[in-house]
Amino acid sequence: MSPAVTSAPILDVLAERWSTRIFDAAALIVFAASASLDGKPLPWAAYDTGQAAAHFTVQAHASGLYTHQMGGFHRDQIGEAFGFGDDLAAVTVMAVGALGDIDAAPEALREREQAPRTRRPIEESLVVDA
């Protein structure tokens, strides 16, 4: 399998809501996992791929770049576009590059990006068995 040189196949399989968000990204990266190696199952492959994406994000931010992970894409189509075999599946797509000009973004996107962020309290996510 040879790597693609263009982002067009990725753009074609992203959900419509992402296509306007990442048009200025320096790169779009597909993180993929294989379910087996030499016929042996790799049960932690998706986790390992997530760790690779997370560490890539940390390094990108340390280098002054911004990232945005996306799950809104058509996995089957991305596999076809890049010639993934039956055993390889895309886990996430990440845009990476310099932070764009918010004023150049469509109005709906500007509103979403500038809206206050709220998080669920940790107590609602933490399970403690005492």
N, C-alpha and C. Protein backbone atom coordinates (compact mmCIF):
# COMPACT_ATOMS: atom_id res chain seq x y z
N MET A 1 0.86 -1.16 0.00
CA MET A 1 0.00 0.00 0.00
C MET A 1 0.91 1.23 0.00
N SER A 2 0.74 2.10 -0.97
CA SER A 2 1.55 3.32 -1.02
C SER A 2 0.73 4.50 -0.52
N PRO A 3 1.40 5.45 0.16
CA PRO A 3 0.66 6.60 0.70
C PRO A 3 0.18 7.52 -0.41
N ALA A 4 -0.95 8.15 -0.17
CA ALA A 4 -1.50 9.11 -1.13
C ALA A 4 -0.77 10.43 -1.02
N VAL A 5 -0.70 11.15 -2.12
CA VAL A 5 0.00 12.43 -2.13
C VAL A 5 -0.96 13.60 -2.09
N THR A 6 -2.22 13.36 -2.15
CA THR A 6 -3.21 14.43 -2.18
C THR A 6 -4.22 14.25 -1.07
N SER A 7 -4.83 15.33 -0.65
CA SER A 7 -5.86 15.24 0.39
C SER A 7 -7.24 15.03 -0.21
N ALA A 8 -7.37 15.08 -1.53
CA ALA A 8 -8.69 14.98 -2.16
C ALA A 8 -9.47 13.75 -1.71
N PRO A 9 -8.87 12.55 -1.64
CA PRO A 9 -9.66 11.40 -1.17
C PRO A 9 -10.19 11.59 0.25
N ILE A 10 -9.44 12.24 1.11
CA ILE A 10 -9.91 12.49 2.47
C ILE A 10 -11.07 13.48 2.44
N LEU A 11 -10.91 14.56 1.69
CA LEU A 11 -11.97 15.57 1.62
C LEU A 11 -13.27 14.97 1.10
N ASP A 12 -13.15 14.03 0.18
CA ASP A 12 -14.34 13.41 -0.40
C ASP A 12 -15.12 12.55 0.59
N VAL A 13 -14.47 12.06 1.64
CA VAL A 13 -15.15 11.16 2.57
C VAL A 13 -15.46 11.79 3.92
N LEU A 14 -15.08 13.04 4.11
CA LEU A 14 -15.42 13.72 5.36
C LEU A 14 -16.89 14.10 5.36
N ALA A 15 -17.48 14.10 6.53
CA ALA A 15 -18.85 14.58 6.65
C ALA A 15 -18.88 16.05 6.24
N GLU A 16 -19.98 16.49 5.68
CA GLU A 16 -20.08 17.85 5.15
C GLU A 16 -19.73 18.92 6.19
N ARG A 17 -20.09 18.69 7.43
CA ARG A 17 -19.82 19.70 8.46
C ARG A 17 -18.33 19.93 8.65
N TRP A 18 -17.50 18.95 8.33
CA TRP A 18 -16.05 19.11 8.50
C TRP A 18 -15.41 19.76 7.29
N SER A 19 -15.97 19.60 6.13
CA SER A 19 -15.30 20.08 4.92
C SER A 19 -15.04 21.58 4.95
N THR A 20 -15.90 22.37 5.60
CA THR A 20 -15.67 23.80 5.68
C THR A 20 -14.73 24.17 6.82
N ARG A 21 -14.54 23.28 7.76
CA ARG A 21 -13.70 23.59 8.92
C ARG A 21 -12.22 23.39 8.65
N ILE A 22 -11.87 22.51 7.75
CA ILE A 22 -10.47 22.12 7.62
C ILE A 22 -9.86 22.52 6.28
N PHE A 23 -10.55 23.38 5.53
CA PHE A 23 -10.05 23.67 4.19
C PHE A 23 -8.68 24.32 4.19
N ASP A 24 -8.26 24.94 5.28
CA ASP A 24 -6.94 25.57 5.34
C ASP A 24 -5.91 24.74 6.10
N ALA A 25 -6.26 23.53 6.50
CA ALA A 25 -5.32 22.70 7.25
C ALA A 25 -4.10 22.40 6.40
N ALA A 26 -2.93 22.39 7.05
CA ALA A 26 -1.69 22.06 6.34
C ALA A 26 -1.67 20.59 5.95
N ALA A 27 -2.28 19.75 6.79
CA ALA A 27 -2.29 18.31 6.50
C ALA A 27 -3.54 17.68 7.11
N LEU A 28 -4.01 16.64 6.48
CA LEU A 28 -5.06 15.80 7.01
C LEU A 28 -4.47 14.41 7.14
N ILE A 29 -4.54 13.85 8.34
CA ILE A 29 -3.89 12.57 8.62
C ILE A 29 -4.96 11.55 8.98
N VAL A 30 -4.87 10.39 8.37
CA VAL A 30 -5.76 9.28 8.70
C VAL A 30 -4.99 8.35 9.63
N PHE A 31 -5.53 8.16 10.83
CA PHE A 31 -4.97 7.19 11.76
C PHE A 31 -5.78 5.92 11.59
N ALA A 32 -5.09 4.82 11.29
CA ALA A 32 -5.77 3.55 11.02
C ALA A 32 -5.18 2.45 11.89
N ALA A 33 -6.00 1.43 12.15
CA ALA A 33 -5.58 0.30 12.96
C ALA A 33 -5.83 -1.00 12.22
N SER A 34 -4.97 -1.95 12.45
CA SER A 34 -5.11 -3.28 11.89
C SER A 34 -5.63 -4.22 12.97
N ALA A 35 -6.60 -5.04 12.63
CA ALA A 35 -7.21 -5.93 13.61
C ALA A 35 -6.36 -7.16 13.91
N SER A 36 -5.39 -7.48 13.04
CA SER A 36 -4.56 -8.65 13.28
C SER A 36 -3.20 -8.49 12.60
N LEU A 37 -2.26 -9.30 13.05
CA LEU A 37 -0.92 -9.33 12.48
C LEU A 37 -0.50 -10.78 12.37
N ASP A 38 -0.14 -11.18 11.18
CA ASP A 38 0.24 -12.58 10.94
C ASP A 38 -0.82 -13.55 11.43
N GLY A 39 -2.09 -13.18 11.24
CA GLY A 39 -3.20 -14.04 11.62
C GLY A 39 -3.55 -14.01 13.09
N LYS A 40 -2.79 -13.27 13.89
CA LYS A 40 -3.07 -13.19 15.33
C LYS A 40 -3.84 -11.90 15.62
N PRO A 41 -4.93 -11.99 16.38
CA PRO A 41 -5.73 -10.79 16.69
C PRO A 41 -4.93 -9.75 17.47
N LEU A 42 -5.20 -8.50 17.20
CA LEU A 42 -4.61 -7.38 17.93
C LEU A 42 -5.74 -6.63 18.65
N PRO A 43 -6.16 -7.15 19.80
CA PRO A 43 -7.34 -6.57 20.47
C PRO A 43 -7.16 -5.13 20.92
N TRP A 44 -5.92 -4.66 21.08
CA TRP A 44 -5.68 -3.30 21.56
C TRP A 44 -5.30 -2.34 20.44
N ALA A 45 -5.48 -2.74 19.21
CA ALA A 45 -5.03 -1.92 18.07
C ALA A 45 -5.70 -0.55 18.05
N ALA A 46 -7.00 -0.48 18.27
CA ALA A 46 -7.69 0.82 18.25
C ALA A 46 -7.21 1.70 19.40
N TYR A 47 -6.98 1.12 20.57
CA TYR A 47 -6.45 1.86 21.71
C TYR A 47 -5.06 2.41 21.38
N ASP A 48 -4.20 1.54 20.83
CA ASP A 48 -2.84 1.96 20.48
C ASP A 48 -2.86 3.08 19.44
N THR A 49 -3.78 2.98 18.50
CA THR A 49 -3.90 4.01 17.48
C THR A 49 -4.36 5.33 18.11
N GLY A 50 -5.27 5.25 19.06
CA GLY A 50 -5.70 6.44 19.79
C GLY A 50 -4.55 7.07 20.56
N GLN A 51 -3.71 6.23 21.15
CA GLN A 51 -2.54 6.75 21.86
C GLN A 51 -1.58 7.44 20.89
N ALA A 52 -1.39 6.86 19.71
CA ALA A 52 -0.53 7.49 18.71
C ALA A 52 -1.09 8.85 18.31
N ALA A 53 -2.40 8.93 18.12
CA ALA A 53 -3.03 10.20 17.76
C ALA A 53 -2.89 11.21 18.90
N ALA A 54 -3.08 10.76 20.13
CA ALA A 54 -2.96 11.66 21.27
C ALA A 54 -1.55 12.22 21.40
N HIS A 55 -0.56 11.36 21.25
CA HIS A 55 0.82 11.83 21.36
C HIS A 55 1.22 12.70 20.17
N PHE A 56 0.68 12.41 19.02
CA PHE A 56 0.90 13.28 17.86
C PHE A 56 0.36 14.68 18.17
N THR A 57 -0.83 14.75 18.79
CA THR A 57 -1.44 16.02 19.16
C THR A 57 -0.55 16.79 20.14
N VAL A 58 -0.05 16.11 21.15
CA VAL A 58 0.82 16.76 22.13
C VAL A 58 2.06 17.33 21.44
N GLN A 59 2.67 16.53 20.57
CA GLN A 59 3.87 17.00 19.87
C GLN A 59 3.56 18.17 18.94
N ALA A 60 2.44 18.09 18.24
CA ALA A 60 2.05 19.18 17.34
C ALA A 60 1.86 20.48 18.13
N HIS A 61 1.17 20.40 19.25
CA HIS A 61 0.95 21.59 20.08
C HIS A 61 2.26 22.13 20.63
N ALA A 62 3.17 21.24 21.01
CA ALA A 62 4.49 21.66 21.50
C ALA A 62 5.28 22.35 20.39
N SER A 63 4.96 22.02 19.15
CA SER A 63 5.63 22.63 18.00
C SER A 63 4.90 23.86 17.49
N GLY A 64 3.87 24.30 18.21
CA GLY A 64 3.15 25.51 17.83
C GLY A 64 2.05 25.30 16.80
N LEU A 65 1.67 24.04 16.58
CA LEU A 65 0.60 23.74 15.63
C LEU A 65 -0.69 23.43 16.37
N TYR A 66 -1.78 23.43 15.64
CA TYR A 66 -3.09 23.11 16.20
C TYR A 66 -3.60 21.86 15.51
N THR A 67 -4.42 21.10 16.23
CA THR A 67 -4.98 19.88 15.66
C THR A 67 -6.48 19.83 15.93
N HIS A 68 -7.15 19.05 15.11
CA HIS A 68 -8.57 18.79 15.35
C HIS A 68 -8.87 17.39 14.84
N GLN A 69 -9.30 16.52 15.75
CA GLN A 69 -9.65 15.16 15.37
C GLN A 69 -11.10 15.10 14.94
N MET A 70 -11.36 14.24 13.97
CA MET A 70 -12.71 14.10 13.44
C MET A 70 -13.09 12.63 13.35
N GLY A 71 -14.29 12.35 13.77
CA GLY A 71 -14.85 11.01 13.60
C GLY A 71 -15.92 11.02 12.53
N GLY A 72 -16.23 12.20 12.02
CA GLY A 72 -17.27 12.34 11.01
C GLY A 72 -16.74 12.08 9.61
N PHE A 73 -16.56 10.82 9.29
CA PHE A 73 -16.13 10.43 7.95
C PHE A 73 -16.67 9.04 7.65
N HIS A 74 -16.64 8.68 6.40
CA HIS A 74 -17.17 7.37 5.97
C HIS A 74 -16.02 6.37 5.94
N ARG A 75 -15.97 5.50 6.95
CA ARG A 75 -14.84 4.57 7.09
C ARG A 75 -14.65 3.67 5.87
N ASP A 76 -15.73 3.14 5.34
CA ASP A 76 -15.61 2.27 4.18
C ASP A 76 -15.03 3.02 2.98
N GLN A 77 -15.51 4.24 2.78
CA GLN A 77 -15.04 5.03 1.64
C GLN A 77 -13.58 5.44 1.79
N ILE A 78 -13.15 5.74 3.02
CA ILE A 78 -11.76 6.12 3.21
C ILE A 78 -10.85 4.92 2.97
N GLY A 79 -11.32 3.74 3.38
CA GLY A 79 -10.56 2.52 3.11
C GLY A 79 -10.42 2.26 1.62
N GLU A 80 -11.50 2.48 0.88
CA GLU A 80 -11.45 2.32 -0.58
C GLU A 80 -10.54 3.36 -1.22
N ALA A 81 -10.64 4.61 -0.77
CA ALA A 81 -9.87 5.70 -1.37
C ALA A 81 -8.37 5.49 -1.21
N PHE A 82 -7.95 4.88 -0.10
CA PHE A 82 -6.53 4.69 0.16
C PHE A 82 -6.07 3.25 0.02
N GLY A 83 -6.95 2.39 -0.46
CA GLY A 83 -6.55 1.01 -0.71
C GLY A 83 -6.31 0.19 0.54
N PHE A 84 -7.02 0.49 1.63
CA PHE A 84 -6.89 -0.32 2.83
C PHE A 84 -7.44 -1.71 2.52
N GLY A 85 -6.80 -2.71 3.04
CA GLY A 85 -7.33 -4.06 2.91
C GLY A 85 -8.47 -4.28 3.89
N ASP A 86 -8.98 -5.50 3.93
CA ASP A 86 -10.09 -5.82 4.83
C ASP A 86 -9.71 -5.72 6.29
N ASP A 87 -8.41 -5.79 6.58
CA ASP A 87 -7.95 -5.86 7.96
C ASP A 87 -7.54 -4.50 8.53
N LEU A 88 -7.59 -3.44 7.73
CA LEU A 88 -7.16 -2.12 8.18
C LEU A 88 -8.36 -1.18 8.18
N ALA A 89 -8.57 -0.44 9.26
CA ALA A 89 -9.72 0.45 9.36
C ALA A 89 -9.30 1.81 9.92
N ALA A 90 -9.83 2.86 9.34
CA ALA A 90 -9.58 4.21 9.84
C ALA A 90 -10.23 4.36 11.21
N VAL A 91 -9.51 4.98 12.14
CA VAL A 91 -10.01 5.23 13.48
C VAL A 91 -10.42 6.69 13.62
N THR A 92 -9.58 7.59 13.13
CA THR A 92 -9.85 9.02 13.20
C THR A 92 -9.11 9.74 12.08
N VAL A 93 -9.57 10.93 11.75
CA VAL A 93 -8.88 11.80 10.81
C VAL A 93 -8.52 13.05 11.60
N MET A 94 -7.30 13.54 11.41
CA MET A 94 -6.85 14.71 12.15
C MET A 94 -6.38 15.79 11.18
N ALA A 95 -6.89 17.00 11.39
CA ALA A 95 -6.38 18.17 10.68
C ALA A 95 -5.28 18.77 11.54
N VAL A 96 -4.19 19.20 10.90
CA VAL A 96 -3.09 19.81 11.64
C VAL A 96 -2.57 21.00 10.85
N GLY A 97 -2.21 22.06 11.57
CA GLY A 97 -1.67 23.24 10.92
C GLY A 97 -1.74 24.46 11.83
N ALA A 98 -1.54 25.61 11.23
CA ALA A 98 -1.63 26.87 11.97
C ALA A 98 -3.10 27.19 12.24
N LEU A 99 -3.34 27.93 13.31
CA LEU A 99 -4.70 28.34 13.63
C LEU A 99 -5.17 29.35 12.58
N GLY A 100 -6.35 29.12 12.04
CA GLY A 100 -6.88 30.00 11.00
C GLY A 100 -7.50 31.27 11.57
N ASP A 101 -7.91 32.13 10.68
CA ASP A 101 -8.55 33.39 11.04
C ASP A 101 -10.03 33.14 11.25
N ILE A 102 -10.50 33.29 12.48
CA ILE A 102 -11.90 33.02 12.80
C ILE A 102 -12.84 33.92 12.00
N ASP A 103 -12.40 35.12 11.67
CA ASP A 103 -13.26 36.04 10.91
C ASP A 103 -13.48 35.57 9.48
N ALA A 104 -12.62 34.69 8.99
CA ALA A 104 -12.78 34.16 7.64
C ALA A 104 -13.70 32.94 7.59
N ALA A 105 -14.07 32.43 8.75
CA ALA A 105 -14.92 31.24 8.82
C ALA A 105 -16.38 31.61 8.58
N PRO A 106 -17.18 30.64 8.10
CA PRO A 106 -18.62 30.89 7.96
C PRO A 106 -19.24 31.26 9.30
N GLU A 107 -20.31 32.04 9.28
CA GLU A 107 -20.93 32.56 10.49
C GLU A 107 -21.31 31.46 11.48
N ALA A 108 -21.92 30.38 11.01
CA ALA A 108 -22.34 29.30 11.91
C ALA A 108 -21.14 28.69 12.62
N LEU A 109 -20.04 28.55 11.92
CA LEU A 109 -18.83 28.00 12.52
C LEU A 109 -18.24 28.98 13.54
N ARG A 110 -18.22 30.26 13.21
CA ARG A 110 -17.72 31.27 14.15
C ARG A 110 -18.51 31.23 15.46
N GLU A 111 -19.83 31.15 15.34
CA GLU A 111 -20.67 31.11 16.54
C GLU A 111 -20.35 29.88 17.39
N ARG A 112 -20.21 28.75 16.73
CA ARG A 112 -19.91 27.51 17.47
C ARG A 112 -18.54 27.58 18.14
N GLU A 113 -17.55 28.07 17.43
CA GLU A 113 -16.20 28.13 17.96
C GLU A 113 -16.06 29.15 19.09
N GLN A 114 -16.86 30.20 19.07
CA GLN A 114 -16.75 31.24 20.07
C GLN A 114 -17.73 31.07 21.23
N ALA A 115 -18.58 30.06 21.17
CA ALA A 115 -19.54 29.79 22.24
C ALA A 115 -18.79 29.32 23.49
N PRO A 116 -19.33 29.63 24.66
CA PRO A 116 -18.69 29.16 25.90
C PRO A 116 -18.64 27.64 25.93
N ARG A 117 -17.56 27.10 26.44
CA ARG A 117 -17.39 25.66 26.57
C ARG A 117 -17.84 25.22 27.95
N THR A 118 -18.58 24.15 28.00
CA THR A 118 -18.98 23.59 29.30
C THR A 118 -18.61 22.12 29.30
N ARG A 119 -18.23 21.63 30.44
CA ARG A 119 -17.88 20.22 30.62
C ARG A 119 -18.77 19.61 31.67
N ARG A 120 -19.04 18.34 31.50
CA ARG A 120 -19.79 17.60 32.51
C ARG A 120 -18.92 17.52 33.76
N PRO A 121 -19.50 17.69 34.94
CA PRO A 121 -18.71 17.58 36.18
C PRO A 121 -18.05 16.20 36.27
N ILE A 122 -16.84 16.14 36.76
CA ILE A 122 -16.10 14.87 36.84
C ILE A 122 -16.86 13.83 37.67
N GLU A 123 -17.62 14.29 38.65
CA GLU A 123 -18.38 13.36 39.48
C GLU A 123 -19.36 12.54 38.68
N GLU A 124 -19.80 13.06 37.54
CA GLU A 124 -20.74 12.32 36.68
C GLU A 124 -20.03 11.30 35.81
N SER A 125 -18.72 11.37 35.71
CA SER A 125 -17.95 10.45 34.88
C SER A 125 -17.14 9.46 35.70
N LEU A 126 -16.95 9.73 36.96
CA LEU A 126 -16.09 8.94 37.81
C LEU A 126 -16.90 7.88 38.55
N VAL A 127 -16.42 6.66 38.52
CA VAL A 127 -17.09 5.59 39.26
C VAL A 127 -16.15 5.15 40.37
N VAL A 128 -16.63 5.27 41.59
CA VAL A 128 -15.82 4.90 42.75
C VAL A 128 -16.58 3.84 43.54
N ASP A 129 -15.93 2.73 43.78
CA ASP A 129 -16.53 1.66 44.56
C ASP A 129 -15.83 1.64 45.91
N ALA A 130 -16.51 2.20 46.89
CA ALA A 130 -15.88 2.30 48.23
C ALA A 130 -16.34 1.21 49.15
